[in-house]
């Protein structure tokens, strides 16, 4: 199980996916536009994306409910 979660972070295709995710967020400069992200086949990649986003925004880990699944 740990290896599966590790792959969500270290695999090259994961790096590309998260880079694309952040590029989408950063390129959304229209004040009236939003970005919706959701899972298509499971919660884990989306949860990791949410955890990375909250971390990038400076949300303290103790308040970051998206990281709960990592700590369980």
Foldseek 3Di string as FASTA:
>chain_A
DVVVLVCCPPPPVNVVVLVVVVVVVVPPPDPPDDDDDDDDPDCRNVLVSQVVVCVVVVPDPVPRPSCVVVVD
